[in-house]
N, C-alpha and C. Protein backbone atom coordinates (compact mmCIF):
# COMPACT_ATOMS: atom_id res chain seq x y z
N MET A 1 0.83 -1.17 0.00
CA MET A 1 0.00 0.00 0.00
C MET A 1 0.88 1.24 0.00
N VAL A 2 0.48 2.22 -0.81
CA VAL A 2 1.27 3.44 -0.94
C VAL A 2 0.73 4.46 0.05
N THR A 3 1.62 5.06 0.77
CA THR A 3 1.21 6.12 1.70
C THR A 3 1.75 7.44 1.20
N LEU A 4 0.93 8.46 1.25
CA LEU A 4 1.32 9.79 0.80
C LEU A 4 1.53 10.69 2.01
N THR A 5 2.49 11.55 1.88
CA THR A 5 2.72 12.52 2.96
C THR A 5 1.70 13.63 2.83
N THR A 6 1.61 14.44 3.83
CA THR A 6 0.68 15.57 3.82
C THR A 6 1.00 16.52 2.68
N ARG A 7 2.26 16.73 2.46
CA ARG A 7 2.68 17.63 1.37
C ARG A 7 2.24 17.08 0.02
N GLN A 8 2.39 15.80 -0.21
CA GLN A 8 1.99 15.19 -1.47
C GLN A 8 0.47 15.27 -1.66
N ILE A 9 -0.26 15.07 -0.58
CA ILE A 9 -1.71 15.18 -0.66
C ILE A 9 -2.12 16.60 -1.03
N LEU A 10 -1.48 17.58 -0.42
CA LEU A 10 -1.78 18.99 -0.73
C LEU A 10 -1.42 19.32 -2.18
N LEU A 11 -0.30 18.79 -2.67
CA LEU A 11 0.10 19.03 -4.06
C LEU A 11 -0.91 18.41 -5.04
N VAL A 12 -1.36 17.20 -4.76
CA VAL A 12 -2.35 16.55 -5.62
C VAL A 12 -3.65 17.35 -5.60
N GLY A 13 -4.05 17.81 -4.42
CA GLY A 13 -5.26 18.62 -4.32
C GLY A 13 -5.12 19.94 -5.07
N ALA A 14 -3.95 20.58 -4.98
CA ALA A 14 -3.72 21.84 -5.69
C ALA A 14 -3.75 21.64 -7.19
N MET A 15 -3.15 20.53 -7.65
CA MET A 15 -3.17 20.25 -9.09
C MET A 15 -4.60 19.96 -9.56
N GLY A 16 -5.35 19.25 -8.76
CA GLY A 16 -6.75 18.98 -9.12
C GLY A 16 -7.57 20.26 -9.14
N GLY A 17 -7.34 21.13 -8.17
CA GLY A 17 -8.05 22.42 -8.14
C GLY A 17 -7.69 23.29 -9.33
N ALA A 18 -6.40 23.30 -9.68
CA ALA A 18 -5.96 24.09 -10.84
C ALA A 18 -6.57 23.53 -12.12
N GLY A 19 -6.60 22.21 -12.22
CA GLY A 19 -7.21 21.59 -13.40
C GLY A 19 -8.69 21.90 -13.49
N LEU A 20 -9.36 21.89 -12.35
CA LEU A 20 -10.79 22.23 -12.32
C LEU A 20 -11.00 23.68 -12.73
N ALA A 21 -10.15 24.57 -12.25
CA ALA A 21 -10.28 25.99 -12.59
C ALA A 21 -10.05 26.21 -14.09
N VAL A 22 -9.05 25.57 -14.64
CA VAL A 22 -8.78 25.70 -16.08
C VAL A 22 -9.93 25.11 -16.89
N GLY A 23 -10.45 23.98 -16.46
CA GLY A 23 -11.57 23.37 -17.16
C GLY A 23 -12.80 24.25 -17.14
N LEU A 24 -13.12 24.82 -15.98
CA LEU A 24 -14.26 25.73 -15.89
C LEU A 24 -14.06 26.97 -16.75
N ALA A 25 -12.85 27.50 -16.75
CA ALA A 25 -12.56 28.68 -17.59
C ALA A 25 -12.77 28.35 -19.06
N LEU A 26 -12.34 27.18 -19.49
CA LEU A 26 -12.53 26.77 -20.88
C LEU A 26 -14.01 26.59 -21.21
N VAL A 27 -14.76 26.00 -20.29
CA VAL A 27 -16.19 25.82 -20.53
C VAL A 27 -16.88 27.17 -20.67
N PHE A 28 -16.57 28.09 -19.76
CA PHE A 28 -17.18 29.42 -19.85
C PHE A 28 -16.76 30.15 -21.12
N ALA A 29 -15.51 30.00 -21.52
CA ALA A 29 -15.04 30.66 -22.75
C ALA A 29 -15.79 30.11 -23.97
N VAL A 30 -15.98 28.81 -24.01
CA VAL A 30 -16.71 28.21 -25.13
C VAL A 30 -18.16 28.65 -25.13
N VAL A 31 -18.79 28.65 -23.96
CA VAL A 31 -20.20 29.02 -23.87
C VAL A 31 -20.39 30.48 -24.28
N PHE A 32 -19.59 31.38 -23.70
CA PHE A 32 -19.76 32.80 -24.01
C PHE A 32 -19.31 33.12 -25.43
N GLY A 33 -18.31 32.43 -25.93
CA GLY A 33 -17.90 32.62 -27.32
C GLY A 33 -18.98 32.20 -28.29
N THR A 34 -19.61 31.08 -28.01
CA THR A 34 -20.70 30.61 -28.86
C THR A 34 -21.89 31.56 -28.81
N ALA A 35 -22.21 32.04 -27.60
CA ALA A 35 -23.33 32.99 -27.47
C ALA A 35 -23.03 34.28 -28.21
N THR A 36 -21.80 34.76 -28.14
CA THR A 36 -21.43 35.99 -28.85
C THR A 36 -21.50 35.79 -30.36
N ALA A 37 -21.00 34.67 -30.83
CA ALA A 37 -21.04 34.40 -32.27
C ALA A 37 -22.48 34.29 -32.76
N TYR A 38 -23.33 33.65 -31.99
CA TYR A 38 -24.73 33.50 -32.37
C TYR A 38 -25.43 34.86 -32.38
N SER A 39 -25.12 35.69 -31.40
CA SER A 39 -25.71 37.03 -31.33
C SER A 39 -25.28 37.87 -32.53
N ARG A 40 -24.01 37.80 -32.87
CA ARG A 40 -23.52 38.55 -34.04
C ARG A 40 -24.17 38.05 -35.32
N LEU A 41 -24.35 36.74 -35.42
CA LEU A 41 -25.00 36.18 -36.60
C LEU A 41 -26.43 36.69 -36.72
N LEU A 42 -27.15 36.73 -35.60
CA LEU A 42 -28.52 37.24 -35.63
C LEU A 42 -28.56 38.72 -35.99
N ASP A 43 -27.58 39.50 -35.49
CA ASP A 43 -27.52 40.92 -35.83
C ASP A 43 -27.27 41.12 -37.32
N ARG A 44 -26.36 40.32 -37.88
CA ARG A 44 -26.08 40.44 -39.32
C ARG A 44 -27.30 40.04 -40.15
N LEU A 45 -28.02 39.02 -39.70
CA LEU A 45 -29.23 38.60 -40.41
C LEU A 45 -30.29 39.70 -40.37
N ALA A 46 -30.46 40.33 -39.21
CA ALA A 46 -31.43 41.41 -39.10
C ALA A 46 -31.03 42.60 -39.98
N ALA A 47 -29.74 42.92 -40.01
CA ALA A 47 -29.28 44.02 -40.86
C ALA A 47 -29.48 43.68 -42.33
N TRP A 48 -29.23 42.43 -42.72
CA TRP A 48 -29.42 42.02 -44.11
C TRP A 48 -30.88 42.14 -44.49
N ARG A 49 -31.77 41.74 -43.58
CA ARG A 49 -33.20 41.82 -43.89
C ARG A 49 -33.68 43.25 -44.03
N THR A 50 -33.11 44.18 -43.28
CA THR A 50 -33.56 45.56 -43.40
C THR A 50 -32.96 46.23 -44.64
N ARG A 51 -31.76 45.81 -45.05
CA ARG A 51 -31.15 46.42 -46.25
C ARG A 51 -31.68 45.80 -47.53
N ARG A 52 -32.23 44.62 -47.45
CA ARG A 52 -32.65 43.90 -48.66
C ARG A 52 -33.69 44.67 -49.48
N PRO A 53 -34.76 45.23 -48.90
CA PRO A 53 -35.72 45.99 -49.72
C PRO A 53 -35.08 47.19 -50.42
N ALA A 54 -34.13 47.84 -49.75
CA ALA A 54 -33.46 48.97 -50.39
C ALA A 54 -32.62 48.50 -51.58
N ARG A 55 -31.97 47.35 -51.45
CA ARG A 55 -31.18 46.83 -52.57
C ARG A 55 -32.08 46.45 -53.73
N ILE A 56 -33.23 45.86 -53.42
CA ILE A 56 -34.17 45.47 -54.49
C ILE A 56 -34.67 46.71 -55.20
N GLU A 57 -35.01 47.75 -54.46
CA GLU A 57 -35.49 48.99 -55.06
C GLU A 57 -34.40 49.65 -55.92
N ALA A 58 -33.16 49.63 -55.43
CA ALA A 58 -32.06 50.20 -56.21
C ALA A 58 -31.86 49.43 -57.51
N ARG A 59 -31.96 48.11 -57.45
CA ARG A 59 -31.81 47.28 -58.65
C ARG A 59 -32.93 47.60 -59.64
N ARG A 60 -34.14 47.76 -59.14
CA ARG A 60 -35.29 48.08 -59.99
C ARG A 60 -35.08 49.46 -60.65
N THR A 61 -34.60 50.42 -59.88
CA THR A 61 -34.35 51.76 -60.42
C THR A 61 -33.28 51.72 -61.49
N ARG A 62 -32.19 50.98 -61.25
CA ARG A 62 -31.14 50.88 -62.27
C ARG A 62 -31.67 50.25 -63.54
N ARG A 63 -32.51 49.22 -63.41
CA ARG A 63 -33.10 48.57 -64.58
C ARG A 63 -33.95 49.56 -65.37
N GLU A 64 -34.76 50.34 -64.68
CA GLU A 64 -35.60 51.34 -65.36
C GLU A 64 -34.74 52.42 -66.00
N ASP A 65 -33.66 52.81 -65.33
CA ASP A 65 -32.76 53.81 -65.92
C ASP A 65 -32.12 53.28 -67.20
N ARG A 66 -31.73 52.00 -67.19
CA ARG A 66 -31.14 51.42 -68.41
C ARG A 66 -32.16 51.39 -69.54
N LYS A 67 -33.41 51.05 -69.20
CA LYS A 67 -34.45 51.04 -70.23
C LYS A 67 -34.65 52.44 -70.80
N THR A 68 -34.64 53.44 -69.94
CA THR A 68 -34.81 54.82 -70.40
C THR A 68 -33.65 55.23 -71.30
N CYS A 69 -32.42 54.88 -70.89
CA CYS A 69 -31.26 55.22 -71.71
C CYS A 69 -31.33 54.53 -73.07
N ARG A 70 -31.73 53.29 -73.09
CA ARG A 70 -31.84 52.58 -74.38
C ARG A 70 -32.91 53.23 -75.26
N ALA A 71 -34.01 53.64 -74.65
CA ALA A 71 -35.07 54.29 -75.43
C ALA A 71 -34.58 55.62 -75.99
N ILE A 72 -33.83 56.37 -75.20
CA ILE A 72 -33.30 57.65 -75.69
C ILE A 72 -32.29 57.41 -76.80
N GLU A 73 -31.41 56.40 -76.64
CA GLU A 73 -30.42 56.11 -77.66
C GLU A 73 -31.07 55.59 -78.94
N ALA A 74 -32.22 54.96 -78.81
CA ALA A 74 -32.91 54.43 -79.99
C ALA A 74 -33.54 55.55 -80.81
N LEU A 75 -33.77 56.70 -80.20
CA LEU A 75 -34.33 57.83 -80.94
C LEU A 75 -33.31 58.34 -81.94
N GLY A 76 -33.78 58.80 -83.04
CA GLY A 76 -32.89 59.38 -84.02
C GLY A 76 -32.38 60.75 -83.55
N THR A 77 -31.18 61.11 -83.92
CA THR A 77 -30.62 62.40 -83.50
C THR A 77 -30.44 63.32 -84.70
N THR A 78 -31.28 63.16 -85.71
CA THR A 78 -31.11 63.99 -86.90
C THR A 78 -31.51 65.44 -86.64
N ASP A 79 -32.41 65.68 -85.72
CA ASP A 79 -32.80 67.05 -85.46
C ASP A 79 -31.91 67.73 -84.44
N HIS A 80 -30.96 66.98 -83.84
CA HIS A 80 -30.01 67.55 -82.91
C HIS A 80 -28.61 67.14 -83.32
N PRO A 81 -27.99 67.84 -84.23
CA PRO A 81 -26.64 67.44 -84.68
C PRO A 81 -25.64 67.53 -83.52
N THR A 82 -24.75 66.58 -83.48
CA THR A 82 -23.78 66.56 -82.38
C THR A 82 -22.52 67.33 -82.72
N ASP A 83 -22.15 67.49 -84.01
CA ASP A 83 -20.94 68.22 -84.33
C ASP A 83 -21.29 69.69 -84.58
N LEU A 84 -20.92 70.49 -83.62
CA LEU A 84 -21.18 71.93 -83.71
C LEU A 84 -19.97 72.70 -84.10
């Protein structure tokens, strides 16, 4: 049977306590890191949803502007000479 001195018992207890503290710190870091990442993801999704209608409207406006430009270019320019 192995007998441990008081000092050895205290050292084993200190190492176990340090291991427990490091383990708890890692668990909290993972939990809070995951919560932060999830929160940021939700914020980005909400921002994307609010910007999306503006992007759709801008795309629609650009399309209409291109149609207008094509219609103007399709008109003849014989009554407005360009070389002055």
